[in-house]
Amino acid sequence: MIIKVLGTGCPKCKALEKATMEAVKEAGIDATVTKVEDIVEIMKYGVMSTPALVVEEKVVMTGRVPSASEIKEILSLN
């Protein structure tokens, strides 16, 4: 599974990256988590507010930092 955290490096973006890593570890999911900070790349996803979470090239959440358990639930649906 390919997971991307979109954000320019603000505290919320860093919090989403940390929560995503935690969720992947807790769920035992085989995934690659990358951070995308390039605004041009972020705009390609049509994201207007960061942070955003992309799973398998599909934007699944924008504009807030969900809990690790909420992220696990999102990942289980993909």
PDB file of N, CA and C in Angstrom:
ATOM      1  N   MET A   1       0.843  -1.168   0.000  1.00  0.00           N
ATOM      2  CA  MET A   1       0.000   0.000   0.000  1.00  0.00           C
ATOM      3  C   MET A   1       0.895   1.240   0.000  1.00  0.00           C
ATOM      4  N   ILE A   2       0.554   2.185  -0.823  1.00  0.00           N
ATOM      5  CA  ILE A   2       1.293   3.447  -0.909  1.00  0.00           C
ATOM      6  C   ILE A   2       0.452   4.528  -0.235  1.00  0.00           C
ATOM      7  N   ILE A   3       1.030   5.157   0.786  1.00  0.00           N
ATOM      8  CA  ILE A   3       0.357   6.215   1.525  1.00  0.00           C
ATOM      9  C   ILE A   3       1.207   7.470   1.441  1.00  0.00           C
ATOM     10  N   LYS A   4       0.546   8.595   1.149  1.00  0.00           N
ATOM     11  CA  LYS A   4       1.255   9.872   1.089  1.00  0.00           C
ATOM     12  C   LYS A   4       0.597  10.857   2.030  1.00  0.00           C
ATOM     13  N   VAL A   5       1.433  11.593   2.751  1.00  0.00           N
ATOM     14  CA  VAL A   5       0.970  12.677   3.597  1.00  0.00           C
ATOM     15  C   VAL A   5       1.336  13.960   2.860  1.00  0.00           C
ATOM     16  N   LEU A   6       0.315  14.733   2.505  1.00  0.00           N
ATOM     17  CA  LEU A   6       0.542  15.976   1.776  1.00  0.00           C
ATOM     18  C   LEU A   6       0.529  17.138   2.749  1.00  0.00           C
ATOM     19  N   GLY A   7       1.568  17.951   2.715  1.00  0.00           N
ATOM     20  CA  GLY A   7       1.637  19.116   3.584  1.00  0.00           C
ATOM     21  C   GLY A   7       2.982  19.792   3.470  1.00  0.00           C
ATOM     22  N   THR A   8       2.983  21.072   3.730  1.00  0.00           N
ATOM     23  CA  THR A   8       4.189  21.873   3.532  1.00  0.00           C
ATOM     24  C   THR A   8       5.149  21.856   4.706  1.00  0.00           C
ATOM     25  N   GLY A   9       4.815  21.148   5.768  1.00  0.00           N
ATOM     26  CA  GLY A   9       5.720  21.063   6.917  1.00  0.00           C
ATOM     27  C   GLY A   9       5.206  21.749   8.159  1.00  0.00           C
ATOM     28  N   CYS A  10       3.943  22.139   8.165  1.00  0.00           N
ATOM     29  CA  CYS A  10       3.356  22.781   9.345  1.00  0.00           C
ATOM     30  C   CYS A  10       3.186  21.749  10.469  1.00  0.00           C
ATOM     31  N   PRO A  11       2.942  22.181  11.691  1.00  0.00           N
ATOM     32  CA  PRO A  11       2.768  21.240  12.801  1.00  0.00           C
ATOM     33  C   PRO A  11       1.663  20.201  12.557  1.00  0.00           C
ATOM     34  N   LYS A  12       0.549  20.607  11.947  1.00  0.00           N
ATOM     35  CA  LYS A  12      -0.530  19.654  11.661  1.00  0.00           C
ATOM     36  C   LYS A  12      -0.079  18.600  10.656  1.00  0.00           C
ATOM     37  N   CYS A  13       0.711  19.017   9.679  1.00  0.00           N
ATOM     38  CA  CYS A  13       1.214  18.072   8.673  1.00  0.00           C
ATOM     39  C   CYS A  13       2.134  17.047   9.323  1.00  0.00           C
ATOM     40  N   LYS A  14       2.981  17.516  10.210  1.00  0.00           N
ATOM     41  CA  LYS A  14       3.888  16.614  10.925  1.00  0.00           C
ATOM     42  C   LYS A  14       3.106  15.674  11.839  1.00  0.00           C
ATOM     43  N   ALA A  15       2.049  16.186  12.465  1.00  0.00           N
ATOM     44  CA  ALA A  15       1.211  15.362  13.344  1.00  0.00           C
ATOM     45  C   ALA A  15       0.509  14.270  12.540  1.00  0.00           C
ATOM     46  N   LEU A  16       0.047  14.600  11.334  1.00  0.00           N
ATOM     47  CA  LEU A  16      -0.608  13.598  10.485  1.00  0.00           C
ATOM     48  C   LEU A  16       0.385  12.525  10.069  1.00  0.00           C
ATOM     49  N   GLU A  17       1.590  12.930   9.732  1.00  0.00           N
ATOM     50  CA  GLU A  17       2.612  11.952   9.348  1.00  0.00           C
ATOM     51  C   GLU A  17       2.890  10.998  10.521  1.00  0.00           C
ATOM     52  N   LYS A  18       3.031  11.543  11.710  1.00  0.00           N
ATOM     53  CA  LYS A  18       3.307  10.725  12.895  1.00  0.00           C
ATOM     54  C   LYS A  18       2.140   9.772  13.181  1.00  0.00           C
ATOM     55  N   ALA A  19       0.912  10.275  13.134  1.00  0.00           N
ATOM     56  CA  ALA A  19      -0.268   9.449  13.400  1.00  0.00           C
ATOM     57  C   ALA A  19      -0.419   8.352  12.350  1.00  0.00           C
ATOM     58  N   THR A  20      -0.090   8.666  11.110  1.00  0.00           N
ATOM     59  CA  THR A  20      -0.179   7.682  10.024  1.00  0.00           C
ATOM     60  C   THR A  20       0.838   6.573  10.233  1.00  0.00           C
ATOM     61  N   MET A  21       2.056   6.928  10.577  1.00  0.00           N
ATOM     62  CA  MET A  21       3.097   5.930  10.838  1.00  0.00           C
ATOM     63  C   MET A  21       2.676   5.032  12.005  1.00  0.00           C
ATOM     64  N   GLU A  22       2.113   5.643  13.031  1.00  0.00           N
ATOM     65  CA  GLU A  22       1.654   4.895  14.202  1.00  0.00           C
ATOM     66  C   GLU A  22       0.528   3.922  13.814  1.00  0.00           C
ATOM     67  N   ALA A  23      -0.418   4.403  13.020  1.00  0.00           N
ATOM     68  CA  ALA A  23      -1.549   3.570  12.594  1.00  0.00           C
ATOM     69  C   ALA A  23      -1.082   2.389  11.757  1.00  0.00           C
ATOM     70  N   VAL A  24      -0.151   2.622  10.844  1.00  0.00           N
ATOM     71  CA  VAL A  24       0.381   1.561   9.989  1.00  0.00           C
ATOM     72  C   VAL A  24       1.076   0.504  10.847  1.00  0.00           C
ATOM     73  N   LYS A  25       1.863   0.974  11.801  1.00  0.00           N
ATOM     74  CA  LYS A  25       2.590   0.051  12.684  1.00  0.00           C
ATOM     75  C   LYS A  25       1.622  -0.767  13.532  1.00  0.00           C
ATOM     76  N   GLU A  26       0.653  -0.088  14.166  1.00  0.00           N
ATOM     77  CA  GLU A  26      -0.312  -0.772  15.035  1.00  0.00           C
ATOM     78  C   GLU A  26      -1.144  -1.798  14.272  1.00  0.00           C
ATOM     79  N   ALA A  27      -1.530  -1.459  13.038  1.00  0.00           N
ATOM     80  CA  ALA A  27      -2.391  -2.342  12.241  1.00  0.00           C
ATOM     81  C   ALA A  27      -1.598  -3.452  11.553  1.00  0.00           C
ATOM     82  N   GLY A  28      -0.270  -3.318  11.555  1.00  0.00           N
ATOM     83  CA  GLY A  28       0.557  -4.318  10.895  1.00  0.00           C
ATOM     84  C   GLY A  28       0.393  -4.314   9.385  1.00  0.00           C
ATOM     85  N   ILE A  29       0.101  -3.151   8.844  1.00  0.00           N
ATOM     86  CA  ILE A  29      -0.108  -3.011   7.398  1.00  0.00           C
ATOM     87  C   ILE A  29       1.232  -2.860   6.693  1.00  0.00           C
ATOM     88  N   ASP A  30       1.381  -3.572   5.583  1.00  0.00           N
ATOM     89  CA  ASP A  30       2.579  -3.439   4.759  1.00  0.00           C
ATOM     90  C   ASP A  30       2.374  -2.213   3.870  1.00  0.00           C
ATOM     91  N   ALA A  31       2.984  -1.111   4.245  1.00  0.00           N
ATOM     92  CA  ALA A  31       2.764   0.139   3.530  1.00  0.00           C
ATOM     93  C   ALA A  31       4.031   0.972   3.483  1.00  0.00           C
ATOM     94  N   THR A  32       4.099   1.797   2.461  1.00  0.00           N
ATOM     95  CA  THR A  32       5.158   2.783   2.333  1.00  0.00           C
ATOM     96  C   THR A  32       4.520   4.141   2.564  1.00  0.00           C
ATOM     97  N   VAL A  33       5.018   4.862   3.568  1.00  0.00           N
ATOM     98  CA  VAL A  33       4.483   6.188   3.886  1.00  0.00           C
ATOM     99  C   VAL A  33       5.507   7.231   3.472  1.00  0.00           C
ATOM    100  N   THR A  34       5.089   8.151   2.614  1.00  0.00           N
ATOM    101  CA  THR A  34       5.982   9.226   2.180  1.00  0.00           C
ATOM    102  C   THR A  34       5.336  10.570   2.473  1.00  0.00           C
ATOM    103  N   LYS A  35       6.176  11.581   2.609  1.00  0.00           N
ATOM    104  CA  LYS A  35       5.727  12.949   2.874  1.00  0.00           C
ATOM    105  C   LYS A  35       5.940  13.755   1.612  1.00  0.00           C
ATOM    106  N   VAL A  36       4.896  14.438   1.150  1.00  0.00           N
ATOM    107  CA  VAL A  36       4.983  15.280  -0.035  1.00  0.00           C
ATOM    108  C   VAL A  36       4.863  16.731   0.424  1.00  0.00           C
ATOM    109  N   GLU A  37       5.944  17.491   0.253  1.00  0.00           N
ATOM    110  CA  GLU A  37       5.954  18.890   0.700  1.00  0.00           C
ATOM    111  C   GLU A  37       5.943  19.879  -0.461  1.00  0.00           C
ATOM    112  N   ASP A  38       6.166  19.396  -1.668  1.00  0.00           N
ATOM    113  CA  ASP A  38       6.202  20.269  -2.851  1.00  0.00           C
ATOM    114  C   ASP A  38       4.780  20.724  -3.185  1.00  0.00           C
ATOM    115  N   ILE A  39       4.549  22.029  -3.114  1.00  0.00           N
ATOM    116  CA  ILE A  39       3.215  22.582  -3.317  1.00  0.00           C
ATOM    117  C   ILE A  39       2.660  22.249  -4.705  1.00  0.00           C
ATOM    118  N   VAL A  40       3.502  22.167  -5.710  1.00  0.00           N
ATOM    119  CA  VAL A  40       3.050  21.820  -7.063  1.00  0.00           C
ATOM    120  C   VAL A  40       2.523  20.389  -7.085  1.00  0.00           C
ATOM    121  N   GLU A  41       3.229  19.485  -6.409  1.00  0.00           N
ATOM    122  CA  GLU A  41       2.777  18.088  -6.324  1.00  0.00           C
ATOM    123  C   GLU A  41       1.464  17.995  -5.543  1.00  0.00           C
ATOM    124  N   ILE A  42       1.360  18.742  -4.460  1.00  0.00           N
ATOM    125  CA  ILE A  42       0.139  18.742  -3.649  1.00  0.00           C
ATOM    126  C   ILE A  42      -1.042  19.228  -4.480  1.00  0.00           C
ATOM    127  N   MET A  43      -0.833  20.264  -5.252  1.00  0.00           N
ATOM    128  CA  MET A  43      -1.902  20.836  -6.080  1.00  0.00           C
ATOM    129  C   MET A  43      -2.384  19.849  -7.142  1.00  0.00           C
ATOM    130  N   LYS A  44      -1.541  18.943  -7.581  1.00  0.00           N
ATOM    131  CA  LYS A  44      -1.940  17.936  -8.574  1.00  0.00           C
ATOM    132  C   LYS A  44      -3.057  17.037  -8.048  1.00  0.00           C
ATOM    133  N   TYR A  45      -3.159  16.932  -6.727  1.00  0.00           N
ATOM    134  CA  TYR A  45      -4.211  16.113  -6.126  1.00  0.00           C
ATOM    135  C   TYR A  45      -5.510  16.898  -5.919  1.00  0.00           C
ATOM    136  N   GLY A  46      -5.490  18.197  -6.223  1.00  0.00           N
ATOM    137  CA  GLY A  46      -6.673  19.026  -6.054  1.00  0.00           C
ATOM    138  C   GLY A  46      -6.975  19.369  -4.603  1.00  0.00           C
ATOM    139  N   VAL A  47      -5.966  19.247  -3.761  1.00  0.00           N
ATOM    140  CA  VAL A  47      -6.126  19.516  -2.332  1.00  0.00           C
ATOM    141  C   VAL A  47      -6.042  21.013  -2.092  1.00  0.00           C
ATOM    142  N   MET A  48      -7.064  21.551  -1.420  1.00  0.00           N
ATOM    143  CA  MET A  48      -7.085  22.988  -1.149  1.00  0.00           C
ATOM    144  C   MET A  48      -6.690  23.312   0.288  1.00  0.00           C
ATOM    145  N   SER A  49      -6.735  22.323   1.190  1.00  0.00           N
ATOM    146  CA  SER A  49      -6.295  22.558   2.563  1.00  0.00           C
ATOM    147  C   SER A  49      -5.503  21.355   3.051  1.00  0.00           C
ATOM    148  N   THR A  50      -4.393  21.661   3.697  1.00  0.00           N
ATOM    149  CA  THR A  50      -3.539  20.602   4.211  1.00  0.00           C
ATOM    150  C   THR A  50      -3.682  20.544   5.725  1.00  0.00           C
ATOM    151  N   PRO A  51      -3.319  19.449   6.326  1.00  0.00           N
ATOM    152  CA  PRO A  51      -2.717  18.273   5.726  1.00  0.00           C
ATOM    153  C   PRO A  51      -3.760  17.426   4.996  1.00  0.00           C
ATOM    154  N   ALA A  52      -3.254  16.537   4.154  1.00  0.00           N
ATOM    155  CA  ALA A  52      -4.125  15.615   3.429  1.00  0.00           C
ATOM    156  C   ALA A  52      -3.489  14.238   3.434  1.00  0.00           C
ATOM    157  N   LEU A  53      -4.339  13.229   3.379  1.00  0.00           N
ATOM    158  CA  LEU A  53      -3.881  11.848   3.361  1.00  0.00           C
ATOM    159  C   LEU A  53      -4.315  11.212   2.052  1.00  0.00           C
ATOM    160  N   VAL A  54      -3.341  10.612   1.357  1.00  0.00           N
ATOM    161  CA  VAL A  54      -3.598   9.963   0.070  1.00  0.00           C
ATOM    162  C   VAL A  54      -3.244   8.487   0.221  1.00  0.00           C
ATOM    163  N   VAL A  55      -4.199   7.626  -0.142  1.00  0.00           N
ATOM    164  CA  VAL A  55      -3.976   6.185  -0.089  1.00  0.00           C
ATOM    165  C   VAL A  55      -4.179   5.641  -1.495  1.00  0.00           C
ATOM    166  N   GLU A  56      -3.146   4.984  -2.021  1.00  0.00           N
ATOM    167  CA  GLU A  56      -3.198   4.422  -3.377  1.00  0.00           C
ATOM    168  C   GLU A  56      -3.661   5.474  -4.396  1.00  0.00           C
ATOM    169  N   GLU A  57      -3.091   6.681  -4.296  1.00  0.00           N
ATOM    170  CA  GLU A  57      -3.345   7.805  -5.196  1.00  0.00           C
ATOM    171  C   GLU A  57      -4.760   8.378  -5.109  1.00  0.00           C
ATOM    172  N   LYS A  58      -5.491   8.070  -4.037  1.00  0.00           N
ATOM    173  CA  LYS A  58      -6.828   8.609  -3.822  1.00  0.00           C
ATOM    174  C   LYS A  58      -6.809   9.441  -2.544  1.00  0.00           C
ATOM    175  N   VAL A  59      -7.249  10.694  -2.638  1.00  0.00           N
ATOM    176  CA  VAL A  59      -7.308  11.569  -1.461  1.00  0.00           C
ATOM    177  C   VAL A  59      -8.446  11.063  -0.565  1.00  0.00           C
ATOM    178  N   VAL A  60      -8.110  10.707   0.672  1.00  0.00           N
ATOM    179  CA  VAL A  60      -9.107  10.146   1.584  1.00  0.00           C
ATOM    180  C   VAL A  60      -9.449  11.067   2.754  1.00  0.00           C
ATOM    181  N   MET A  61      -8.651  12.129   2.960  1.00  0.00           N
ATOM    182  CA  MET A  61      -8.899  13.035   4.077  1.00  0.00           C
ATOM    183  C   MET A  61      -8.113  14.319   3.866  1.00  0.00           C
ATOM    184  N   THR A  62      -8.743  15.468   4.150  1.00  0.00           N
ATOM    185  CA  THR A  62      -8.035  16.747   4.032  1.00  0.00           C
ATOM    186  C   THR A  62      -8.417  17.686   5.174  1.00  0.00           C
ATOM    187  N   GLY A  63      -7.494  18.592   5.471  1.00  0.00           N
ATOM    188  CA  GLY A  63      -7.782  19.712   6.352  1.00  0.00           C
ATOM    189  C   GLY A  63      -7.771  19.476   7.849  1.00  0.00           C
ATOM    190  N   ARG A  64      -7.465  18.232   8.284  1.00  0.00           N
ATOM    191  CA  ARG A  64      -7.450  17.987   9.729  1.00  0.00           C
ATOM    192  C   ARG A  64      -6.539  16.807  10.037  1.00  0.00           C
ATOM    193  N   VAL A  65      -6.295  16.610  11.329  1.00  0.00           N
ATOM    194  CA  VAL A  65      -5.458  15.493  11.772  1.00  0.00           C
ATOM    195  C   VAL A  65      -6.345  14.496  12.511  1.00  0.00           C
ATOM    196  N   PRO A  66      -6.651  13.360  11.881  1.00  0.00           N
ATOM    197  CA  PRO A  66      -7.456  12.348  12.559  1.00  0.00           C
ATOM    198  C   PRO A  66      -6.605  11.578  13.570  1.00  0.00           C
ATOM    199  N   SER A  67      -7.252  10.845  14.451  1.00  0.00           N
ATOM    200  CA  SER A  67      -6.532  10.007  15.417  1.00  0.00           C
ATOM    201  C   SER A  67      -5.948   8.797  14.684  1.00  0.00           C
ATOM    202  N   ALA A  68      -5.001   8.127  15.324  1.00  0.00           N
ATOM    203  CA  ALA A  68      -4.400   6.935  14.729  1.00  0.00           C
ATOM    204  C   ALA A  68      -5.462   5.864  14.490  1.00  0.00           C
ATOM    205  N   SER A  69      -6.431   5.749  15.405  1.00  0.00           N
ATOM    206  CA  SER A  69      -7.475   4.740  15.227  1.00  0.00           C
ATOM    207  C   SER A  69      -8.371   5.072  14.034  1.00  0.00           C
ATOM    208  N   GLU A  70      -8.635   6.354  13.804  1.00  0.00           N
ATOM    209  CA  GLU A  70      -9.424   6.761  12.637  1.00  0.00           C
ATOM    210  C   GLU A  70      -8.645   6.476  11.350  1.00  0.00           C
ATOM    211  N   ILE A  71      -7.351   6.694  11.373  1.00  0.00           N
ATOM    212  CA  ILE A  71      -6.521   6.406  10.202  1.00  0.00           C
ATOM    213  C   ILE A  71      -6.525   4.904   9.926  1.00  0.00           C
ATOM    214  N   LYS A  72      -6.444   4.081  10.970  1.00  0.00           N
ATOM    215  CA  LYS A  72      -6.497   2.624  10.786  1.00  0.00           C
ATOM    216  C   LYS A  72      -7.810   2.223  10.111  1.00  0.00           C
ATOM    217  N   GLU A  73      -8.891   2.856  10.518  1.00  0.00           N
ATOM    218  CA  GLU A  73     -10.193   2.559   9.921  1.00  0.00           C
ATOM    219  C   GLU A  73     -10.197   2.951   8.438  1.00  0.00           C
ATOM    220  N   ILE A  74      -9.656   4.115   8.119  1.00  0.00           N
ATOM    221  CA  ILE A  74      -9.565   4.570   6.726  1.00  0.00           C
ATOM    222  C   ILE A  74      -8.735   3.577   5.909  1.00  0.00           C
ATOM    223  N   LEU A  75      -7.616   3.141   6.462  1.00  0.00           N
ATOM    224  CA  LEU A  75      -6.731   2.225   5.746  1.00  0.00           C
ATOM    225  C   LEU A  75      -7.373   0.853   5.544  1.00  0.00           C
ATOM    226  N   SER A  76      -8.183   0.425   6.482  1.00  0.00           N
ATOM    227  CA  SER A  76      -8.836  -0.888   6.345  1.00  0.00           C
ATOM    228  C   SER A  76      -9.860  -0.898   5.237  1.00  0.00           C
ATOM    229  N   LEU A  77     -10.362   0.280   4.862  1.00  0.00           N
ATOM    230  CA  LEU A  77     -11.348   0.385   3.784  1.00  0.00           C
ATOM    231  C   LEU A  77     -10.688   0.435   2.403  1.00  0.00           C
ATOM    232  N   ASN A  78      -9.380   0.590   2.373  1.00  0.00           N
ATOM    233  CA  ASN A  78      -8.684   0.717   1.091  1.00  0.00           C
ATOM    234  C   ASN A  78      -7.838  -0.497   0.796  1.00  0.00           C
TER     235      ASN A  78
END
